[in-house]
């Protein structure tokens, strides 16, 4: 059962396949989303991001002329979009560990393998809304914290710190949880 009210969620679906965009739209409608926009590639998505407030992006990896990785990097750069913190869910058939790491380094928030299932998409939406990760800015990276929270890590006074890797952490509070 869905614990969130997605009726006010603005979603942008970016995929070069009209069939995949239609499938994802139907799944989102079934979840209660009403404001769903779509784009056929990264360039169209950048244009949409400048015109519409978007709460979540669902992005394919392989598109031309601008793929999902280039789109995510451009969003995280923040020069051309009003919200560089927007969650990006990468929906792709390219699921090797190397691709996952490349997406993470680009600033992708969540990764979902095709073929898409309603359960998988709902799980990723719950993650970006219910458990948003703080954003980290370093000289080489800006995006969601790449580490998952794990309470089993040692937090005591003997914990080592890396003095060369100072990072500013920004909390995301853009999205409200409408938990029941």
C-alpha atoms as a PDB file:
ATOM      1  CA  UNK A   1       0.000   0.000   0.000  1.00  0.00           C
ATOM      2  CA  UNK A   2       1.182   3.498  -0.864  1.00  0.00           C
ATOM      3  CA  UNK A   3       1.784   5.631   2.233  1.00  0.00           C
ATOM      4  CA  UNK A   4       2.265   8.836   0.219  1.00  0.00           C
ATOM      5  CA  UNK A   5      -0.109  11.164  -1.568  1.00  0.00           C
ATOM      6  CA  UNK A   6       1.496  11.610  -4.984  1.00  0.00           C
ATOM      7  CA  UNK A   7      -1.317  13.792  -6.343  1.00  0.00           C
ATOM      8  CA  UNK A   8       0.769  16.981  -6.015  1.00  0.00           C
ATOM      9  CA  UNK A   9       4.038  15.441  -7.203  1.00  0.00           C
ATOM     10  CA  UNK A  10       5.393  16.951 -10.438  1.00  0.00           C
ATOM     11  CA  UNK A  11       7.304  14.311 -12.386  1.00  0.00           C
ATOM     12  CA  UNK A  12       9.321  14.613 -15.572  1.00  0.00           C
ATOM     13  CA  UNK A  13       9.819  11.355 -17.515  1.00  0.00           C
ATOM     14  CA  UNK A  14      12.744  11.504 -19.946  1.00  0.00           C
ATOM     15  CA  UNK A  15      13.120   8.622 -22.398  1.00  0.00           C
ATOM     16  CA  UNK A  16      13.639   8.429 -26.154  1.00  0.00           C
ATOM     17  CA  UNK A  17      11.109   5.598 -26.431  1.00  0.00           C
ATOM     18  CA  UNK A  18       7.517   6.863 -26.593  1.00  0.00           C
ATOM     19  CA  UNK A  19       6.335   3.424 -25.446  1.00  0.00           C
ATOM     20  CA  UNK A  20       8.513   3.553 -22.321  1.00  0.00           C
ATOM     21  CA  UNK A  21       7.343   7.106 -21.549  1.00  0.00           C
ATOM     22  CA  UNK A  22       3.741   5.953 -21.882  1.00  0.00           C
ATOM     23  CA  UNK A  23       4.341   2.913 -19.647  1.00  0.00           C
ATOM     24  CA  UNK A  24       6.002   4.985 -16.915  1.00  0.00           C
ATOM     25  CA  UNK A  25       3.225   7.608 -17.161  1.00  0.00           C
ATOM     26  CA  UNK A  26       0.570   4.911 -16.683  1.00  0.00           C
ATOM     27  CA  UNK A  27       2.367   3.534 -13.639  1.00  0.00           C
ATOM     28  CA  UNK A  28       2.689   7.042 -12.184  1.00  0.00           C
ATOM     29  CA  UNK A  29      -1.020   7.722 -12.827  1.00  0.00           C
ATOM     30  CA  UNK A  30      -1.846   4.485 -11.011  1.00  0.00           C
ATOM     31  CA  UNK A  31       0.163   5.803  -8.033  1.00  0.00           C
ATOM     32  CA  UNK A  32      -1.969   8.956  -8.057  1.00  0.00           C
ATOM     33  CA  UNK A  33       0.426  11.330  -9.829  1.00  0.00           C
ATOM     34  CA  UNK A  34      -1.431  13.933 -11.842  1.00  0.00           C
ATOM     35  CA  UNK A  35       1.256  16.340 -13.048  1.00  0.00           C
ATOM     36  CA  UNK A  36       3.435  14.256 -15.365  1.00  0.00           C
ATOM     37  CA  UNK A  37       5.524  15.833 -18.109  1.00  0.00           C
ATOM     38  CA  UNK A  38       7.699  14.012 -20.590  1.00  0.00           C
ATOM     39  CA  UNK A  39      10.644  14.669 -22.853  1.00  0.00           C
ATOM     40  CA  UNK A  40      12.300  12.559 -25.546  1.00  0.00           C
ATOM     41  CA  UNK A  41      15.900  13.465 -24.636  1.00  0.00           C
ATOM     42  CA  UNK A  42      18.089  15.480 -22.306  1.00  0.00           C
ATOM     43  CA  UNK A  43      17.849  18.714 -24.301  1.00  0.00           C
ATOM     44  CA  UNK A  44      14.057  18.682 -24.187  1.00  0.00           C
ATOM     45  CA  UNK A  45      14.258  17.868 -20.484  1.00  0.00           C
ATOM     46  CA  UNK A  46      16.492  20.888 -19.815  1.00  0.00           C
ATOM     47  CA  UNK A  47      13.962  23.088 -21.578  1.00  0.00           C
ATOM     48  CA  UNK A  48      11.130  21.598 -19.491  1.00  0.00           C
ATOM     49  CA  UNK A  49      13.093  22.075 -16.263  1.00  0.00           C
ATOM     50  CA  UNK A  50      13.419  25.781 -17.047  1.00  0.00           C
ATOM     51  CA  UNK A  51       9.640  26.121 -17.574  1.00  0.00           C
ATOM     52  CA  UNK A  52       8.126  23.776 -14.976  1.00  0.00           C
ATOM     53  CA  UNK A  53       8.706  23.057 -11.319  1.00  0.00           C
ATOM     54  CA  UNK A  54       9.709  19.400 -11.195  1.00  0.00           C
ATOM     55  CA  UNK A  55       9.883  17.358  -8.001  1.00  0.00           C
ATOM     56  CA  UNK A  56      11.329  14.126  -9.452  1.00  0.00           C
ATOM     57  CA  UNK A  57      12.954  13.137 -12.750  1.00  0.00           C
ATOM     58  CA  UNK A  58      12.809   9.614 -14.151  1.00  0.00           C
ATOM     59  CA  UNK A  59      15.533   9.458 -16.787  1.00  0.00           C
ATOM     60  CA  UNK A  60      16.725   6.901 -19.326  1.00  0.00           C
ATOM     61  CA  UNK A  61      20.470   6.534 -19.787  1.00  0.00           C
ATOM     62  CA  UNK A  62      20.885   6.081 -23.549  1.00  0.00           C
ATOM     63  CA  UNK A  63      19.339   8.935 -25.529  1.00  0.00           C
ATOM     64  CA  UNK A  64      20.542  11.235 -28.295  1.00  0.00           C
ATOM     65  CA  UNK A  65      21.558  14.013 -28.589  1.00  0.00           C
ATOM     66  CA  UNK A  66      21.884  14.320 -24.779  1.00  0.00           C
ATOM     67  CA  UNK A  67      21.874  11.158 -22.654  1.00  0.00           C
ATOM     68  CA  UNK A  68      20.773  10.766 -19.047  1.00  0.00           C
ATOM     69  CA  UNK A  69      24.279  11.069 -17.599  1.00  0.00           C
ATOM     70  CA  UNK A  70      24.957  14.364 -19.412  1.00  0.00           C
ATOM     71  CA  UNK A  71      21.519  15.604 -18.341  1.00  0.00           C
ATOM     72  CA  UNK A  72      22.191  14.748 -14.694  1.00  0.00           C
ATOM     73  CA  UNK A  73      25.594  16.451 -14.781  1.00  0.00           C
ATOM     74  CA  UNK A  74      24.060  19.574 -16.297  1.00  0.00           C
ATOM     75  CA  UNK A  75      21.305  19.612 -13.656  1.00  0.00           C
ATOM     76  CA  UNK A  76      23.823  19.219 -10.832  1.00  0.00           C
ATOM     77  CA  UNK A  77      25.988  22.006 -12.286  1.00  0.00           C
ATOM     78  CA  UNK A  78      23.025  24.263 -11.467  1.00  0.00           C
ATOM     79  CA  UNK A  79      23.747  26.937 -14.057  1.00  0.00           C
ATOM     80  CA  UNK A  80      20.715  26.367 -16.259  1.00  0.00           C
ATOM     81  CA  UNK A  81      18.053  24.974 -13.921  1.00  0.00           C
ATOM     82  CA  UNK A  82      16.321  26.472 -10.888  1.00  0.00           C
ATOM     83  CA  UNK A  83      16.708  23.342  -8.717  1.00  0.00           C
ATOM     84  CA  UNK A  84      20.000  21.412  -8.926  1.00  0.00           C
ATOM     85  CA  UNK A  85      18.814  19.311  -5.933  1.00  0.00           C
ATOM     86  CA  UNK A  86      15.946  17.647  -7.827  1.00  0.00           C
ATOM     87  CA  UNK A  87      15.999  13.846  -7.347  1.00  0.00           C
ATOM     88  CA  UNK A  88      16.996  11.919 -10.477  1.00  0.00           C
ATOM     89  CA  UNK A  89      15.934   8.285 -10.824  1.00  0.00           C
ATOM     90  CA  UNK A  90      17.949   6.610 -13.583  1.00  0.00           C
ATOM     91  CA  UNK A  91      15.809   3.997 -15.356  1.00  0.00           C
ATOM     92  CA  UNK A  92      18.012   1.929 -17.651  1.00  0.00           C
ATOM     93  CA  UNK A  93      18.835  -1.471 -19.089  1.00  0.00           C
ATOM     94  CA  UNK A  94      22.545  -0.716 -18.618  1.00  0.00           C
ATOM     95  CA  UNK A  95      23.036  -2.305 -15.208  1.00  0.00           C
ATOM     96  CA  UNK A  96      26.697  -3.184 -14.906  1.00  0.00           C
ATOM     97  CA  UNK A  97      28.537  -2.102 -11.755  1.00  0.00           C
ATOM     98  CA  UNK A  98      30.633   0.249 -13.893  1.00  0.00           C
ATOM     99  CA  UNK A  99      27.456   1.955 -15.165  1.00  0.00           C
ATOM    100  CA  UNK A 100      26.009   2.167 -11.678  1.00  0.00           C
ATOM    101  CA  UNK A 101      29.196   3.852 -10.424  1.00  0.00           C
ATOM    102  CA  UNK A 102      29.229   6.231 -13.388  1.00  0.00           C
ATOM    103  CA  UNK A 103      25.615   7.224 -12.679  1.00  0.00           C
ATOM    104  CA  UNK A 104      26.395   7.733  -9.007  1.00  0.00           C
ATOM    105  CA  UNK A 105      29.396   9.922  -9.865  1.00  0.00           C
ATOM    106  CA  UNK A 106      27.179  12.026 -12.164  1.00  0.00           C
ATOM    107  CA  UNK A 107      24.791  12.737  -9.274  1.00  0.00           C
ATOM    108  CA  UNK A 108      21.982  10.261  -9.916  1.00  0.00           C
ATOM    109  CA  UNK A 109      19.857   9.818  -6.794  1.00  0.00           C
ATOM    110  CA  UNK A 110      18.453   6.315  -7.429  1.00  0.00           C
ATOM    111  CA  UNK A 111      19.046   3.624 -10.048  1.00  0.00           C
ATOM    112  CA  UNK A 112      16.331   1.327 -11.430  1.00  0.00           C
ATOM    113  CA  UNK A 113      16.900  -1.499 -13.914  1.00  0.00           C
ATOM    114  CA  UNK A 114      14.618  -2.124 -16.870  1.00  0.00           C
ATOM    115  CA  UNK A 115      12.247  -3.783 -17.341  1.00  0.00           C
ATOM    116  CA  UNK A 116      10.464  -1.404 -15.009  1.00  0.00           C
ATOM    117  CA  UNK A 117       7.938  -2.765 -12.535  1.00  0.00           C
ATOM    118  CA  UNK A 118       5.430  -0.760 -10.508  1.00  0.00           C
ATOM    119  CA  UNK A 119       6.945  -2.133  -7.299  1.00  0.00           C
ATOM    120  CA  UNK A 120      10.468  -1.073  -8.299  1.00  0.00           C
ATOM    121  CA  UNK A 121       9.376   2.423  -9.321  1.00  0.00           C
ATOM    122  CA  UNK A 122       7.301   2.861  -6.170  1.00  0.00           C
ATOM    123  CA  UNK A 123      10.275   1.776  -4.071  1.00  0.00           C
ATOM    124  CA  UNK A 124      12.531   4.404  -5.697  1.00  0.00           C
ATOM    125  CA  UNK A 125       9.886   7.122  -5.272  1.00  0.00           C
ATOM    126  CA  UNK A 126       9.587   6.218  -1.595  1.00  0.00           C
ATOM    127  CA  UNK A 127      13.377   6.446  -1.266  1.00  0.00           C
ATOM    128  CA  UNK A 128      13.672   9.925  -2.795  1.00  0.00           C
ATOM    129  CA  UNK A 129      10.656  11.277  -0.916  1.00  0.00           C
ATOM    130  CA  UNK A 130      10.710   9.432   2.406  1.00  0.00           C
ATOM    131  CA  UNK A 131      14.477   9.017   2.833  1.00  0.00           C
ATOM    132  CA  UNK A 132      16.123  11.858   0.917  1.00  0.00           C
ATOM    133  CA  UNK A 133      19.888  11.824   1.156  1.00  0.00           C
ATOM    134  CA  UNK A 134      21.748  15.023   2.019  1.00  0.00           C
ATOM    135  CA  UNK A 135      23.670  16.675  -0.782  1.00  0.00           C
ATOM    136  CA  UNK A 136      27.441  16.913  -0.706  1.00  0.00           C
ATOM    137  CA  UNK A 137      29.613  19.519  -2.383  1.00  0.00           C
ATOM    138  CA  UNK A 138      33.339  18.942  -2.838  1.00  0.00           C
ATOM    139  CA  UNK A 139      35.773  20.211  -5.445  1.00  0.00           C
ATOM    140  CA  UNK A 140      35.008  17.196  -7.650  1.00  0.00           C
ATOM    141  CA  UNK A 141      31.382  16.341  -6.841  1.00  0.00           C
ATOM    142  CA  UNK A 142      27.979  17.833  -6.187  1.00  0.00           C
ATOM    143  CA  UNK A 143      25.018  15.548  -5.655  1.00  0.00           C
ATOM    144  CA  UNK A 144      23.309  13.239  -3.204  1.00  0.00           C
ATOM    145  CA  UNK A 145      25.550  11.650  -0.610  1.00  0.00           C
ATOM    146  CA  UNK A 146      26.863   8.486  -2.258  1.00  0.00           C
ATOM    147  CA  UNK A 147      26.947   6.618   1.041  1.00  0.00           C
ATOM    148  CA  UNK A 148      23.835   4.913   2.285  1.00  0.00           C
ATOM    149  CA  UNK A 149      23.032   5.479   5.925  1.00  0.00           C
ATOM    150  CA  UNK A 150      24.097   2.462   7.966  1.00  0.00           C
ATOM    151  CA  UNK A 151      23.825   2.669  11.728  1.00  0.00           C
ATOM    152  CA  UNK A 152      26.325  -0.180  12.126  1.00  0.00           C
ATOM    153  CA  UNK A 153      29.236   2.203  11.433  1.00  0.00           C
ATOM    154  CA  UNK A 154      31.289   3.180  14.429  1.00  0.00           C
ATOM    155  CA  UNK A 155      30.525   6.757  15.539  1.00  0.00           C
ATOM    156  CA  UNK A 156      32.652   6.966  18.712  1.00  0.00           C
ATOM    157  CA  UNK A 157      35.555   9.257  19.611  1.00  0.00           C
ATOM    158  CA  UNK A 158      38.136   6.991  17.957  1.00  0.00           C
ATOM    159  CA  UNK A 159      36.551   7.319  14.484  1.00  0.00           C
ATOM    160  CA  UNK A 160      39.074   8.411  11.876  1.00  0.00           C
ATOM    161  CA  UNK A 161      38.430  11.468   9.755  1.00  0.00           C
ATOM    162  CA  UNK A 162      40.058  12.476   6.494  1.00  0.00           C
ATOM    163  CA  UNK A 163      41.168  16.105   6.900  1.00  0.00           C
ATOM    164  CA  UNK A 164      41.802  16.479   3.149  1.00  0.00           C
ATOM    165  CA  UNK A 165      38.218  15.641   2.179  1.00  0.00           C
ATOM    166  CA  UNK A 166      36.195  18.415   3.819  1.00  0.00           C
ATOM    167  CA  UNK A 167      32.682  18.488   2.382  1.00  0.00           C
ATOM    168  CA  UNK A 168      29.737  20.771   2.860  1.00  0.00           C
ATOM    169  CA  UNK A 169      26.487  18.886   3.445  1.00  0.00           C
ATOM    170  CA  UNK A 170      23.123  20.318   2.438  1.00  0.00           C
ATOM    171  CA  UNK A 171      19.867  18.837   3.682  1.00  0.00           C
ATOM    172  CA  UNK A 172      17.015  18.445   1.223  1.00  0.00           C
ATOM    173  CA  UNK A 173      13.717  19.621   2.606  1.00  0.00           C
ATOM    174  CA  UNK A 174      12.020  20.491  -0.681  1.00  0.00           C
ATOM    175  CA  UNK A 175       9.590  17.599  -0.561  1.00  0.00           C
ATOM    176  CA  UNK A 176       7.103  17.025   2.221  1.00  0.00           C
ATOM    177  CA  UNK A 177       6.163  13.592   3.410  1.00  0.00           C
ATOM    178  CA  UNK A 178       2.408  13.083   3.379  1.00  0.00           C
ATOM    179  CA  UNK A 179       2.681   9.855   5.342  1.00  0.00           C
ATOM    180  CA  UNK A 180      -0.512   8.331   6.543  1.00  0.00           C
END
